[in-house]
Protein backbone atom coordinates (compact mmCIF):
# COMPACT_ATOMS: atom_id res chain seq x y z
CA UNK A 1 -139.70 178.00 199.75
CA UNK A 2 -139.31 178.31 195.89
CA UNK A 3 -142.28 179.29 194.03
CA UNK A 4 -144.04 176.43 192.22
CA UNK A 5 -143.62 176.37 188.47
CA UNK A 6 -147.15 177.70 186.81
CA UNK A 7 -148.52 175.46 183.94
CA UNK A 8 -150.05 176.38 181.36
CA UNK A 9 -154.02 173.98 181.53
CA UNK A 10 -154.18 173.50 177.88
CA UNK A 11 -150.86 171.24 178.16
CA UNK A 12 -152.60 168.97 180.66
CA UNK A 13 -153.16 165.17 178.95
CA UNK A 14 -155.30 162.83 179.25
CA UNK A 15 -157.80 161.01 181.41
CA UNK A 16 -157.18 163.72 184.17
CA UNK A 17 -158.91 164.69 187.44
CA UNK A 18 -159.74 167.31 189.43
CA UNK A 19 -157.06 166.73 191.98
CA UNK A 20 -154.23 164.49 189.64
CA UNK A 21 -153.62 164.30 186.12
CA UNK A 22 -151.24 163.82 183.72
CA UNK A 23 -149.75 167.20 181.82
CA UNK A 24 -147.38 165.94 178.06
CA UNK A 25 -143.92 168.70 178.30
CA UNK A 26 -140.23 168.37 176.78
CA UNK A 27 -138.43 165.72 178.52
CA UNK A 28 -136.74 167.83 181.06
CA UNK A 29 -139.60 170.26 182.17
CA UNK A 30 -140.67 169.44 185.56
CA UNK A 31 -139.54 167.28 188.19
CA UNK A 32 -140.29 164.80 190.07
CA UNK A 33 -141.28 166.40 193.65
CA UNK A 34 -141.36 169.82 191.98
CA UNK A 35 -144.84 172.19 193.00
CA UNK A 36 -146.70 172.69 190.01
CA UNK A 37 -150.06 175.36 189.82
CA UNK A 38 -152.18 175.81 186.50
CA UNK A 39 -152.61 179.24 185.62
CA UNK A 40 -155.71 181.31 186.46
CA UNK A 41 -156.53 178.01 189.20
CA UNK A 42 -157.73 181.50 191.21
CA UNK A 43 -158.33 178.86 194.56
CA UNK A 44 -154.43 178.37 194.04
CA UNK A 45 -154.46 174.03 193.83
CA UNK A 46 -151.18 172.85 194.60
CA UNK A 47 -149.66 170.01 192.83
CA UNK A 48 -146.17 167.74 192.98
CA UNK A 49 -144.79 165.67 190.52
CA UNK A 50 -145.43 161.95 191.69
CA UNK A 51 -144.66 160.10 188.60
CA UNK A 52 -142.66 161.52 184.60
CA UNK A 53 -143.50 158.63 182.56
CA UNK A 54 -142.15 157.76 179.04
CA UNK A 55 -144.37 159.39 175.94
CA UNK A 56 -144.15 156.83 172.82
CA UNK A 57 -145.19 159.26 170.68
CA UNK A 58 -142.60 161.45 170.94
CA UNK A 59 -139.68 160.08 172.43
CA UNK A 60 -139.04 164.08 173.07
CA UNK A 61 -141.92 164.91 175.53
CA UNK A 62 -142.96 162.73 178.56
CA UNK A 63 -145.87 162.66 180.59
CA UNK A 64 -145.83 164.21 183.89
CA UNK A 65 -148.43 162.72 186.44
CA UNK A 66 -149.29 165.08 189.50
CA UNK A 67 -151.29 165.21 192.36
CA UNK A 68 -152.40 167.17 194.83
CA UNK A 69 -152.05 167.90 199.13
CA UNK A 70 -154.92 167.16 200.91
CA UNK A 71 -153.88 170.21 202.55
CA UNK A 72 -152.24 171.93 199.04
CA UNK A 73 -153.88 175.80 199.64
CA UNK A 74 -151.83 175.90 202.60
CA UNK A 75 -148.13 177.55 201.50
CA UNK A 76 -146.24 175.91 204.50
CA UNK A 77 -147.13 172.72 203.18
CA UNK A 78 -144.97 169.51 203.36
CA UNK A 79 -144.59 166.88 200.35
CA UNK A 80 -146.66 164.42 200.27
CA UNK A 81 -145.08 161.70 201.61
CA UNK A 82 -146.50 159.45 198.11
CA UNK A 83 -144.18 156.54 196.42
CA UNK A 84 -142.81 157.70 193.22
CA UNK A 85 -141.49 155.91 190.29
CA UNK A 86 -139.64 156.49 186.77
């Protein structure tokens, strides 16, 4: 299994929760179903990118929606079976 992408917590954008949220990054920075972690999170919470949405204020950026898996601290977990929409 490849290493998850490491994200700066400052890239979180808009409304976020403990187990879901959005990050605003340049187009192509992440892919759907990609695993990510936030830098500085000692708990090791892992998330999956489940949606990629246009960002109307800047066409070069995208809103990447992430969700945690219930067993997100288990490094052997499989991708959750969450439908993805683009």
